[in-house]
Amino acid sequence: MAVQSWAELLRSSKKTALIHDGKRKIHYLFADGKEMAEEYDFKTDDLIVRKWRTKSTLGSQGQWQIEVGEPLAANIASLDSEMIKENCSNPVFMRKDTKSCFQWRIRNLPYPKEVFSVSVEPSGRCCIVKTSNKKYYKKFSVPDLDRIQLPLDCSALSFTYANDTLIISYKKPKEILTLEHELLRELKKLKGTSEGDVDCKTQ
């Protein structure tokens, strides 16, 4: 899907807006039944959450899949305390973007910085994080680039490490920056309320 067709898909989707709790919440419904929900900080316009939901083959609503934002703490209440204790020390992978970069954080990685390597695998359209001590390995894609069929650029990738957290940054290409700027301008025209969703298709 090229830049133009993804932008067109966003434009043609049915959007509802809600201003609540200092956030601009947007719900997109696409023609194929897929849903996307986004939350932006109302003051800074930073993207806080993006999640997707598709219908199952039987037509029932699937679970929300987080693309950007804190991972859902699913079924924590139903786990016993031993399980919760064990899970607390597991690495936690999440995406939290900035204005200029896609950014991922992996918490609970108590290893020296020099053991980490982060690379791009262009043929697999993914980034790979691994440690020389064989303690951690993670492969992840950049959906934003996949949607508009942009190649991954190894020079855009960098990482820092502090407080047992690896922070991986990928500099957004100009096509993405332009698209995000135009989308935000459109979203700000939607008439959202703080009391409920408003159908903005006709605005």
N, C-alpha and C. Protein backbone atom coordinates (compact mmCIF):
# COMPACT_ATOMS: atom_id res chain seq x y z
N MET A 1 0.86 -1.19 0.00
CA MET A 1 0.00 0.00 0.00
C MET A 1 0.89 1.24 0.00
N ALA A 2 0.79 2.07 -1.03
CA ALA A 2 1.64 3.25 -1.13
C ALA A 2 1.13 4.35 -0.21
N VAL A 3 1.95 5.41 -0.08
CA VAL A 3 1.59 6.53 0.81
C VAL A 3 0.18 7.04 0.48
N GLN A 4 -0.07 7.24 -0.82
CA GLN A 4 -1.32 7.84 -1.25
C GLN A 4 -2.51 6.97 -0.88
N SER A 5 -2.39 5.64 -1.10
CA SER A 5 -3.54 4.78 -0.83
C SER A 5 -3.81 4.65 0.67
N TRP A 6 -2.75 4.66 1.50
CA TRP A 6 -2.96 4.62 2.96
C TRP A 6 -3.61 5.93 3.42
N ALA A 7 -3.13 7.05 2.88
CA ALA A 7 -3.72 8.35 3.24
C ALA A 7 -5.19 8.39 2.82
N GLU A 8 -5.49 7.82 1.66
CA GLU A 8 -6.86 7.78 1.15
C GLU A 8 -7.74 6.92 2.03
N LEU A 9 -7.17 5.80 2.48
CA LEU A 9 -7.92 4.89 3.36
C LEU A 9 -8.27 5.60 4.68
N LEU A 10 -7.32 6.36 5.21
CA LEU A 10 -7.58 7.12 6.44
C LEU A 10 -8.66 8.18 6.21
N ARG A 11 -8.56 8.86 5.08
CA ARG A 11 -9.53 9.91 4.77
C ARG A 11 -10.94 9.36 4.60
N SER A 12 -11.04 8.18 3.96
CA SER A 12 -12.36 7.64 3.66
C SER A 12 -12.97 6.87 4.82
N SER A 13 -12.18 6.63 5.88
CA SER A 13 -12.72 5.88 7.03
C SER A 13 -13.75 6.73 7.77
N LYS A 14 -14.63 6.04 8.48
CA LYS A 14 -15.63 6.74 9.31
C LYS A 14 -14.98 7.04 10.65
N LYS A 15 -14.89 8.33 10.98
CA LYS A 15 -14.16 8.72 12.19
C LYS A 15 -15.09 9.31 13.25
N THR A 16 -14.84 8.97 14.49
CA THR A 16 -15.54 9.62 15.59
C THR A 16 -14.48 10.18 16.54
N ALA A 17 -14.77 11.35 17.12
CA ALA A 17 -13.79 12.02 17.98
C ALA A 17 -14.36 12.24 19.37
N LEU A 18 -13.50 12.19 20.36
CA LEU A 18 -13.89 12.39 21.75
C LEU A 18 -12.74 13.10 22.46
N ILE A 19 -13.04 14.22 23.10
CA ILE A 19 -12.02 14.91 23.90
C ILE A 19 -12.30 14.54 25.35
N HIS A 20 -11.34 13.88 25.98
CA HIS A 20 -11.61 13.39 27.34
C HIS A 20 -10.30 13.26 28.10
N ASP A 21 -10.29 13.76 29.34
CA ASP A 21 -9.15 13.53 30.23
C ASP A 21 -7.83 14.03 29.63
N GLY A 22 -7.89 15.19 28.95
CA GLY A 22 -6.67 15.77 28.36
C GLY A 22 -6.18 15.05 27.12
N LYS A 23 -7.05 14.22 26.55
CA LYS A 23 -6.66 13.45 25.35
C LYS A 23 -7.68 13.65 24.23
N ARG A 24 -7.16 13.63 23.01
CA ARG A 24 -8.01 13.62 21.82
C ARG A 24 -8.09 12.16 21.36
N LYS A 25 -9.27 11.55 21.48
CA LYS A 25 -9.42 10.14 21.14
C LYS A 25 -10.16 10.03 19.81
N ILE A 26 -9.56 9.29 18.88
CA ILE A 26 -10.15 9.14 17.55
C ILE A 26 -10.39 7.65 17.28
N HIS A 27 -11.59 7.35 16.80
CA HIS A 27 -11.92 5.97 16.42
C HIS A 27 -12.15 5.94 14.91
N TYR A 28 -11.46 5.02 14.24
CA TYR A 28 -11.59 4.88 12.79
C TYR A 28 -12.30 3.56 12.50
N LEU A 29 -13.27 3.60 11.60
CA LEU A 29 -13.91 2.37 11.13
C LEU A 29 -13.68 2.31 9.62
N PHE A 30 -12.98 1.26 9.18
CA PHE A 30 -12.66 1.11 7.76
C PHE A 30 -13.73 0.28 7.04
N ALA A 31 -13.75 0.40 5.73
CA ALA A 31 -14.77 -0.28 4.92
C ALA A 31 -14.75 -1.79 5.10
N ASP A 32 -13.57 -2.35 5.39
CA ASP A 32 -13.48 -3.81 5.55
C ASP A 32 -13.83 -4.28 6.97
N GLY A 33 -14.30 -3.33 7.83
CA GLY A 33 -14.72 -3.69 9.18
C GLY A 33 -13.62 -3.56 10.22
N LYS A 34 -12.38 -3.32 9.78
CA LYS A 34 -11.28 -3.13 10.74
C LYS A 34 -11.49 -1.83 11.50
N GLU A 35 -11.03 -1.81 12.74
CA GLU A 35 -11.13 -0.59 13.55
C GLU A 35 -9.73 -0.19 14.02
N MET A 36 -9.49 1.11 14.09
CA MET A 36 -8.26 1.63 14.68
C MET A 36 -8.66 2.71 15.67
N ALA A 37 -8.03 2.72 16.83
CA ALA A 37 -8.30 3.76 17.83
C ALA A 37 -6.98 4.42 18.18
N GLU A 38 -6.99 5.75 18.23
CA GLU A 38 -5.79 6.50 18.59
C GLU A 38 -6.10 7.48 19.71
N GLU A 39 -5.09 7.76 20.53
CA GLU A 39 -5.22 8.79 21.56
C GLU A 39 -4.03 9.73 21.44
N TYR A 40 -4.31 11.03 21.40
CA TYR A 40 -3.26 12.04 21.33
C TYR A 40 -3.33 12.91 22.57
N ASP A 41 -2.19 13.36 23.05
CA ASP A 41 -2.16 14.35 24.12
C ASP A 41 -2.75 15.64 23.55
N PHE A 42 -3.76 16.17 24.21
CA PHE A 42 -4.48 17.32 23.66
C PHE A 42 -3.61 18.56 23.54
N LYS A 43 -2.65 18.72 24.48
CA LYS A 43 -1.81 19.92 24.45
C LYS A 43 -0.62 19.78 23.50
N THR A 44 0.05 18.62 23.54
CA THR A 44 1.29 18.47 22.77
C THR A 44 1.09 17.79 21.41
N ASP A 45 -0.10 17.18 21.21
CA ASP A 45 -0.39 16.40 19.98
C ASP A 45 0.43 15.13 19.86
N ASP A 46 1.11 14.71 20.94
CA ASP A 46 1.88 13.47 20.89
C ASP A 46 0.92 12.28 20.84
N LEU A 47 1.27 11.29 20.02
CA LEU A 47 0.48 10.06 19.95
C LEU A 47 0.79 9.21 21.18
N ILE A 48 -0.25 8.87 21.95
CA ILE A 48 -0.05 8.09 23.18
C ILE A 48 -0.39 6.62 22.94
N VAL A 49 -1.48 6.39 22.20
CA VAL A 49 -1.96 5.01 21.96
C VAL A 49 -2.41 4.86 20.51
N ARG A 50 -2.08 3.72 19.92
CA ARG A 50 -2.73 3.31 18.67
C ARG A 50 -2.99 1.82 18.79
N LYS A 51 -4.23 1.42 18.57
CA LYS A 51 -4.56 -0.01 18.65
C LYS A 51 -5.52 -0.40 17.53
N TRP A 52 -5.52 -1.67 17.22
CA TRP A 52 -6.31 -2.21 16.11
C TRP A 52 -7.22 -3.34 16.59
N ARG A 53 -8.36 -3.45 15.90
CA ARG A 53 -9.25 -4.57 16.20
C ARG A 53 -9.88 -5.05 14.90
N THR A 54 -9.90 -6.36 14.70
CA THR A 54 -10.56 -6.92 13.52
C THR A 54 -11.63 -7.90 13.97
N LYS A 55 -12.62 -8.11 13.13
CA LYS A 55 -13.66 -9.09 13.43
C LYS A 55 -13.13 -10.49 13.16
N SER A 56 -13.63 -11.44 13.94
CA SER A 56 -13.23 -12.83 13.71
C SER A 56 -13.97 -13.36 12.48
N THR A 57 -13.62 -14.56 12.06
CA THR A 57 -14.28 -15.15 10.89
C THR A 57 -15.78 -15.33 11.11
N LEU A 58 -16.17 -15.45 12.38
CA LEU A 58 -17.61 -15.59 12.70
C LEU A 58 -18.29 -14.24 12.89
N GLY A 59 -17.51 -13.17 12.76
CA GLY A 59 -18.13 -11.84 12.83
C GLY A 59 -18.13 -11.19 14.21
N SER A 60 -17.58 -11.89 15.22
CA SER A 60 -17.56 -11.28 16.56
C SER A 60 -16.34 -10.37 16.68
N GLN A 61 -16.39 -9.44 17.63
CA GLN A 61 -15.29 -8.49 17.81
C GLN A 61 -14.07 -9.21 18.38
N GLY A 62 -12.90 -8.96 17.78
CA GLY A 62 -11.67 -9.52 18.32
C GLY A 62 -11.13 -8.66 19.45
N GLN A 63 -10.01 -9.06 20.01
CA GLN A 63 -9.35 -8.27 21.06
C GLN A 63 -8.59 -7.11 20.41
N TRP A 64 -8.47 -6.01 21.15
CA TRP A 64 -7.64 -4.90 20.68
C TRP A 64 -6.18 -5.32 20.70
N GLN A 65 -5.44 -5.00 19.64
CA GLN A 65 -4.01 -5.25 19.55
C GLN A 65 -3.28 -3.91 19.62
N ILE A 66 -2.42 -3.74 20.63
CA ILE A 66 -1.73 -2.47 20.82
C ILE A 66 -0.56 -2.34 19.83
N GLU A 67 -0.54 -1.25 19.08
CA GLU A 67 0.59 -0.96 18.20
C GLU A 67 1.53 0.06 18.85
N VAL A 68 0.92 1.09 19.46
CA VAL A 68 1.69 2.12 20.17
C VAL A 68 1.08 2.28 21.56
N GLY A 69 1.93 2.36 22.57
CA GLY A 69 1.43 2.57 23.94
C GLY A 69 1.76 1.40 24.84
N GLU A 70 1.39 1.54 26.11
CA GLU A 70 1.67 0.51 27.11
C GLU A 70 0.92 -0.77 26.75
N PRO A 71 1.56 -1.94 26.87
CA PRO A 71 0.85 -3.19 26.62
C PRO A 71 -0.26 -3.39 27.63
N LEU A 72 -1.34 -4.03 27.21
CA LEU A 72 -2.47 -4.27 28.10
C LEU A 72 -2.08 -5.30 29.15
N ALA A 73 -2.41 -4.99 30.41
CA ALA A 73 -2.16 -5.95 31.49
C ALA A 73 -3.33 -6.92 31.51
N ALA A 74 -3.29 -7.89 30.63
CA ALA A 74 -4.44 -8.79 30.47
C ALA A 74 -4.54 -9.79 31.62
N ASN A 75 -5.75 -9.88 32.15
CA ASN A 75 -6.08 -10.91 33.13
C ASN A 75 -5.15 -10.94 34.36
N ILE A 76 -4.58 -9.79 34.70
CA ILE A 76 -3.69 -9.76 35.88
C ILE A 76 -4.45 -10.21 37.13
N ALA A 77 -5.69 -9.77 37.24
CA ALA A 77 -6.46 -10.08 38.45
C ALA A 77 -6.65 -11.58 38.62
N SER A 78 -6.69 -12.32 37.52
CA SER A 78 -6.96 -13.76 37.62
C SER A 78 -5.69 -14.58 37.87
N LEU A 79 -4.54 -13.93 37.81
CA LEU A 79 -3.29 -14.66 38.05
C LEU A 79 -3.01 -14.72 39.55
N ASP A 80 -2.39 -15.80 39.97
CA ASP A 80 -2.05 -15.84 41.39
C ASP A 80 -0.80 -14.99 41.64
N SER A 81 -0.54 -14.71 42.92
CA SER A 81 0.52 -13.75 43.25
C SER A 81 1.90 -14.23 42.82
N GLU A 82 2.13 -15.54 42.84
CA GLU A 82 3.43 -16.07 42.40
C GLU A 82 3.68 -15.74 40.93
N MET A 83 2.64 -15.92 40.12
CA MET A 83 2.77 -15.64 38.68
C MET A 83 3.08 -14.16 38.46
N ILE A 84 2.39 -13.30 39.21
CA ILE A 84 2.60 -11.86 39.03
C ILE A 84 4.04 -11.50 39.39
N LYS A 85 4.54 -12.08 40.48
CA LYS A 85 5.91 -11.80 40.89
C LYS A 85 6.90 -12.19 39.80
N GLU A 86 6.69 -13.35 39.23
CA GLU A 86 7.59 -13.85 38.20
C GLU A 86 7.54 -12.95 36.96
N ASN A 87 6.33 -12.55 36.58
CA ASN A 87 6.16 -11.73 35.37
C ASN A 87 6.77 -10.35 35.50
N CYS A 88 6.85 -9.84 36.72
CA CYS A 88 7.36 -8.49 36.93
C CYS A 88 8.79 -8.32 36.45
N SER A 89 9.57 -9.40 36.46
CA SER A 89 10.97 -9.26 36.07
C SER A 89 11.21 -9.60 34.59
N ASN A 90 10.17 -10.05 33.90
CA ASN A 90 10.32 -10.35 32.47
C ASN A 90 10.49 -9.06 31.68
N PRO A 91 11.23 -9.11 30.56
CA PRO A 91 11.34 -7.92 29.71
C PRO A 91 9.97 -7.46 29.21
N VAL A 92 9.77 -6.15 29.22
CA VAL A 92 8.51 -5.57 28.73
C VAL A 92 8.83 -4.72 27.50
N PHE A 93 8.21 -5.09 26.38
CA PHE A 93 8.46 -4.42 25.10
C PHE A 93 7.27 -3.52 24.78
N MET A 94 7.53 -2.25 24.51
CA MET A 94 6.44 -1.32 24.17
C MET A 94 6.94 -0.25 23.23
N ARG A 95 6.01 0.35 22.49
CA ARG A 95 6.39 1.43 21.59
C ARG A 95 5.83 2.75 22.12
N LYS A 96 6.66 3.77 22.09
CA LYS A 96 6.26 5.10 22.56
C LYS A 96 6.98 6.11 21.67
N ASP A 97 6.28 6.65 20.67
CA ASP A 97 6.93 7.49 19.66
C ASP A 97 7.19 8.91 20.15
N THR A 98 8.11 9.57 19.47
CA THR A 98 8.31 11.00 19.66
C THR A 98 7.88 11.68 18.36
N LYS A 99 7.96 13.00 18.31
CA LYS A 99 7.58 13.73 17.10
C LYS A 99 8.45 13.32 15.90
N SER A 100 9.73 13.06 16.13
CA SER A 100 10.64 12.81 15.01
C SER A 100 11.05 11.35 14.84
N CYS A 101 10.73 10.51 15.83
CA CYS A 101 11.18 9.11 15.77
C CYS A 101 10.07 8.12 16.17
N PHE A 102 10.11 6.94 15.55
CA PHE A 102 9.42 5.79 16.11
C PHE A 102 10.34 5.33 17.25
N GLN A 103 9.75 4.97 18.37
CA GLN A 103 10.62 4.60 19.49
C GLN A 103 10.05 3.42 20.27
N TRP A 104 10.93 2.48 20.58
CA TRP A 104 10.54 1.30 21.36
C TRP A 104 11.37 1.25 22.62
N ARG A 105 10.73 0.81 23.70
CA ARG A 105 11.43 0.65 24.98
C ARG A 105 11.30 -0.81 25.42
N ILE A 106 12.41 -1.36 25.84
CA ILE A 106 12.38 -2.72 26.40
C ILE A 106 12.91 -2.62 27.82
N ARG A 107 12.00 -2.78 28.78
CA ARG A 107 12.36 -2.66 30.19
C ARG A 107 12.80 -4.02 30.74
N ASN A 108 13.43 -3.98 31.91
CA ASN A 108 13.89 -5.20 32.61
C ASN A 108 14.95 -5.97 31.82
N LEU A 109 15.94 -5.26 31.32
CA LEU A 109 17.08 -5.90 30.66
C LEU A 109 18.36 -5.55 31.44
N PRO A 110 18.65 -6.30 32.49
CA PRO A 110 19.75 -5.93 33.40
C PRO A 110 21.12 -6.41 32.91
N TYR A 111 21.52 -5.99 31.71
CA TYR A 111 22.81 -6.40 31.14
C TYR A 111 23.62 -5.17 30.79
N PRO A 112 24.94 -5.30 30.63
CA PRO A 112 25.75 -4.13 30.24
C PRO A 112 25.38 -3.67 28.83
N LYS A 113 25.51 -2.38 28.59
CA LYS A 113 25.14 -1.81 27.28
C LYS A 113 25.88 -2.48 26.13
N GLU A 114 27.14 -2.84 26.36
CA GLU A 114 27.96 -3.36 25.24
C GLU A 114 27.50 -4.72 24.72
N VAL A 115 26.62 -5.43 25.45
CA VAL A 115 26.16 -6.73 24.94
C VAL A 115 25.05 -6.59 23.89
N PHE A 116 24.45 -5.39 23.81
CA PHE A 116 23.31 -5.21 22.91
C PHE A 116 23.73 -4.87 21.49
N SER A 117 23.01 -5.42 20.52
CA SER A 117 23.16 -4.95 19.14
C SER A 117 21.76 -4.82 18.54
N VAL A 118 21.57 -3.77 17.77
CA VAL A 118 20.28 -3.51 17.11
C VAL A 118 20.56 -3.32 15.63
N SER A 119 19.84 -4.07 14.81
CA SER A 119 20.10 -4.00 13.37
C SER A 119 18.81 -4.07 12.57
N VAL A 120 18.93 -3.77 11.28
CA VAL A 120 17.80 -3.82 10.36
C VAL A 120 17.98 -5.02 9.45
N GLU A 121 16.90 -5.75 9.21
CA GLU A 121 16.93 -6.84 8.24
C GLU A 121 16.01 -6.45 7.09
N PRO A 122 16.56 -5.80 6.04
CA PRO A 122 15.72 -5.26 4.97
C PRO A 122 14.84 -6.30 4.29
N SER A 123 15.38 -7.49 4.05
CA SER A 123 14.60 -8.51 3.34
C SER A 123 13.41 -8.99 4.17
N GLY A 124 13.58 -9.03 5.50
CA GLY A 124 12.48 -9.45 6.37
C GLY A 124 11.63 -8.28 6.84
N ARG A 125 11.98 -7.07 6.39
CA ARG A 125 11.27 -5.85 6.79
C ARG A 125 11.10 -5.78 8.31
N CYS A 126 12.22 -5.96 9.03
CA CYS A 126 12.11 -5.92 10.49
C CYS A 126 13.41 -5.43 11.10
N CYS A 127 13.32 -5.10 12.38
CA CYS A 127 14.49 -4.74 13.18
C CYS A 127 14.76 -5.90 14.15
N ILE A 128 16.03 -6.10 14.48
CA ILE A 128 16.39 -7.20 15.36
C ILE A 128 17.23 -6.68 16.52
N VAL A 129 16.82 -7.06 17.73
CA VAL A 129 17.60 -6.75 18.93
C VAL A 129 18.14 -8.06 19.46
N LYS A 130 19.44 -8.10 19.74
CA LYS A 130 19.97 -9.31 20.37
C LYS A 130 21.12 -8.96 21.30
N THR A 131 21.43 -9.90 22.17
CA THR A 131 22.53 -9.69 23.11
C THR A 131 23.60 -10.73 22.84
N SER A 132 24.85 -10.33 23.01
CA SER A 132 25.96 -11.27 22.78
C SER A 132 26.01 -12.37 23.83
N ASN A 133 25.35 -12.13 24.99
CA ASN A 133 25.31 -13.18 26.02
C ASN A 133 24.14 -14.14 25.83
N LYS A 134 23.43 -14.00 24.68
CA LYS A 134 22.31 -14.91 24.31
C LYS A 134 21.14 -14.87 25.29
N LYS A 135 21.01 -13.77 26.02
CA LYS A 135 19.94 -13.68 27.03
C LYS A 135 18.65 -13.07 26.46
N TYR A 136 18.77 -12.35 25.34
CA TYR A 136 17.57 -11.70 24.81
C TYR A 136 17.65 -11.61 23.29
N TYR A 137 16.51 -11.87 22.65
CA TYR A 137 16.41 -11.76 21.19
C TYR A 137 14.99 -11.29 20.85
N LYS A 138 14.89 -10.28 20.01
CA LYS A 138 13.56 -9.77 19.64
C LYS A 138 13.59 -9.27 18.21
N LYS A 139 12.57 -9.68 17.46
CA LYS A 139 12.43 -9.24 16.07
C LYS A 139 11.10 -8.48 15.99
N PHE A 140 11.11 -7.28 15.44
CA PHE A 140 9.85 -6.53 15.35
C PHE A 140 9.81 -5.71 14.06
N SER A 141 8.60 -5.46 13.59
CA SER A 141 8.42 -4.70 12.34
C SER A 141 8.04 -3.26 12.65
N VAL A 142 8.01 -2.43 11.63
CA VAL A 142 7.57 -1.04 11.76
C VAL A 142 6.32 -0.90 10.88
N PRO A 143 5.14 -1.13 11.46
CA PRO A 143 3.90 -1.16 10.66
C PRO A 143 3.70 0.10 9.82
N ASP A 144 4.11 1.25 10.35
CA ASP A 144 3.93 2.52 9.63
C ASP A 144 4.65 2.49 8.28
N LEU A 145 5.84 1.89 8.25
CA LEU A 145 6.60 1.80 7.00
C LEU A 145 6.00 0.73 6.08
N ASP A 146 5.50 -0.36 6.70
CA ASP A 146 4.88 -1.42 5.90
C ASP A 146 3.63 -0.91 5.18
N ARG A 147 2.85 -0.08 5.89
CA ARG A 147 1.58 0.38 5.31
C ARG A 147 1.79 1.22 4.06
N ILE A 148 2.92 1.94 4.00
CA ILE A 148 3.14 2.77 2.81
C ILE A 148 4.33 2.27 1.98
N GLN A 149 4.72 1.02 2.28
CA GLN A 149 5.74 0.32 1.49
C GLN A 149 7.06 1.08 1.36
N LEU A 150 7.51 1.64 2.48
CA LEU A 150 8.83 2.30 2.48
C LEU A 150 9.88 1.30 2.95
N PRO A 151 11.06 1.31 2.35
CA PRO A 151 12.11 0.39 2.81
C PRO A 151 12.67 0.82 4.15
N LEU A 152 13.21 -0.14 4.89
CA LEU A 152 13.87 0.18 6.16
C LEU A 152 15.28 0.68 5.86
N ASP A 153 15.69 1.67 6.63
CA ASP A 153 16.99 2.30 6.41
C ASP A 153 17.84 2.12 7.68
N CYS A 154 18.94 1.37 7.55
CA CYS A 154 19.75 1.07 8.75
C CYS A 154 20.34 2.34 9.37
N SER A 155 20.55 3.39 8.57
CA SER A 155 21.14 4.62 9.13
C SER A 155 20.14 5.39 9.99
N ALA A 156 18.85 5.03 9.91
CA ALA A 156 17.82 5.71 10.71
C ALA A 156 17.72 5.13 12.11
N LEU A 157 18.40 4.00 12.34
CA LEU A 157 18.25 3.25 13.59
C LEU A 157 19.35 3.59 14.58
N SER A 158 18.97 3.78 15.84
CA SER A 158 19.97 4.02 16.90
C SER A 158 19.39 3.50 18.22
N PHE A 159 20.25 3.37 19.24
CA PHE A 159 19.71 2.96 20.54
C PHE A 159 20.55 3.54 21.68
N THR A 160 19.90 3.67 22.82
CA THR A 160 20.57 4.07 24.06
C THR A 160 20.15 3.08 25.15
N TYR A 161 20.88 3.10 26.25
CA TYR A 161 20.57 2.16 27.33
C TYR A 161 20.80 2.84 28.67
N ALA A 162 19.79 2.74 29.55
CA ALA A 162 19.92 3.30 30.90
C ALA A 162 18.89 2.65 31.81
N ASN A 163 19.24 2.47 33.07
CA ASN A 163 18.30 1.94 34.08
C ASN A 163 17.62 0.65 33.63
N ASP A 164 18.40 -0.29 33.11
CA ASP A 164 17.88 -1.59 32.66
C ASP A 164 16.86 -1.48 31.52
N THR A 165 16.86 -0.35 30.83
CA THR A 165 15.91 -0.15 29.73
C THR A 165 16.66 0.18 28.45
N LEU A 166 16.35 -0.56 27.39
CA LEU A 166 16.92 -0.30 26.07
C LEU A 166 15.92 0.57 25.30
N ILE A 167 16.39 1.71 24.80
CA ILE A 167 15.52 2.61 24.03
C ILE A 167 16.02 2.63 22.59
N ILE A 168 15.17 2.15 21.68
CA ILE A 168 15.52 2.05 20.26
C ILE A 168 14.75 3.12 19.49
N SER A 169 15.48 3.90 18.72
CA SER A 169 14.84 4.98 17.94
C SER A 169 15.05 4.74 16.45
N TYR A 170 14.01 5.05 15.68
CA TYR A 170 14.10 4.98 14.22
C TYR A 170 13.59 6.30 13.69
N LYS A 171 14.48 7.06 13.06
CA LYS A 171 14.13 8.40 12.58
C LYS A 171 13.03 8.30 11.52
N LYS A 172 11.95 9.04 11.74
CA LYS A 172 10.83 8.98 10.79
C LYS A 172 11.24 9.59 9.45
N PRO A 173 10.96 8.88 8.34
CA PRO A 173 11.26 9.47 7.03
C PRO A 173 10.31 10.63 6.73
N LYS A 174 10.70 11.48 5.79
CA LYS A 174 9.90 12.69 5.51
C LYS A 174 8.48 12.34 5.06
N GLU A 175 8.30 11.20 4.36
CA GLU A 175 6.95 10.81 3.92
C GLU A 175 6.02 10.60 5.11
N ILE A 176 6.56 9.99 6.18
CA ILE A 176 5.77 9.75 7.40
C ILE A 176 5.47 11.07 8.09
N LEU A 177 6.48 11.93 8.21
CA LEU A 177 6.28 13.22 8.89
C LEU A 177 5.20 14.05 8.18
N THR A 178 5.24 14.04 6.85
CA THR A 178 4.24 14.79 6.08
C THR A 178 2.85 14.20 6.30
N LEU A 179 2.76 12.88 6.23
CA LEU A 179 1.48 12.19 6.41
C LEU A 179 0.90 12.47 7.80
N GLU A 180 1.75 12.37 8.83
CA GLU A 180 1.28 12.60 10.21
C GLU A 180 0.82 14.04 10.39
N HIS A 181 1.56 14.97 9.79
CA HIS A 181 1.20 16.39 9.90
C HIS A 181 -0.17 16.65 9.26
N GLU A 182 -0.38 16.09 8.07
CA GLU A 182 -1.65 16.29 7.37
C GLU A 182 -2.81 15.63 8.10
N LEU A 183 -2.56 14.42 8.63
CA LEU A 183 -3.61 13.71 9.36
C LEU A 183 -4.02 14.48 10.60
N LEU A 184 -3.04 14.97 11.35
CA LEU A 184 -3.33 15.72 12.58
C LEU A 184 -4.15 16.97 12.28
N ARG A 185 -3.81 17.61 11.18
CA ARG A 185 -4.56 18.81 10.78
C ARG A 185 -6.03 18.45 10.53
N GLU A 186 -6.26 17.31 9.87
CA GLU A 186 -7.63 16.85 9.61
C GLU A 186 -8.35 16.48 10.91
N LEU A 187 -7.63 15.78 11.80
CA LEU A 187 -8.24 15.32 13.06
C LEU A 187 -8.68 16.49 13.92
N LYS A 188 -7.91 17.58 13.86
CA LYS A 188 -8.24 18.74 14.68
C LYS A 188 -9.52 19.43 14.20
N LYS A 189 -9.92 19.14 12.97
CA LYS A 189 -11.17 19.74 12.45
C LYS A 189 -12.40 18.97 12.94
N LEU A 190 -12.20 17.75 13.45
CA LEU A 190 -13.33 16.95 13.90
C LEU A 190 -13.93 17.58 15.15
N LYS A 191 -15.23 17.58 15.20
CA LYS A 191 -15.92 18.16 16.34
C LYS A 191 -16.09 17.11 17.43
N GLY A 192 -15.13 17.05 18.34
CA GLY A 192 -15.23 16.09 19.44
C GLY A 192 -15.90 16.73 20.64
N THR A 193 -16.52 15.91 21.49
CA THR A 193 -17.09 16.44 22.73
C THR A 193 -16.44 15.70 23.89
N SER A 194 -16.66 16.18 25.10
CA SER A 194 -16.10 15.50 26.26
C SER A 194 -17.12 14.56 26.88
N GLU A 195 -18.29 14.43 26.26
CA GLU A 195 -19.34 13.62 26.88
C GLU A 195 -19.64 12.34 26.13
N GLY A 196 -19.23 12.24 24.90
CA GLY A 196 -19.52 11.02 24.15
C GLY A 196 -18.99 11.12 22.75
N ASP A 197 -19.05 10.00 22.04
CA ASP A 197 -18.55 10.00 20.67
C ASP A 197 -19.50 10.76 19.75
N VAL A 198 -18.89 11.48 18.83
CA VAL A 198 -19.67 12.24 17.86
C VAL A 198 -19.27 11.72 16.49
N ASP A 199 -20.25 11.41 15.68
CA ASP A 199 -19.95 10.93 14.34
C ASP A 199 -19.49 12.11 13.49
N CYS A 200 -18.25 12.03 13.01
CA CYS A 200 -17.66 13.20 12.31
C CYS A 200 -17.57 13.02 10.82
N LYS A 201 -18.23 12.00 10.30
CA LYS A 201 -18.09 11.72 8.88
C LYS A 201 -18.58 12.89 8.02
N THR A 202 -19.61 13.57 8.53
CA THR A 202 -20.21 14.63 7.71
C THR A 202 -19.66 16.01 8.05
N GLN A 203 -18.75 16.10 8.99
CA GLN A 203 -18.24 17.42 9.40
C GLN A 203 -17.47 18.08 8.28
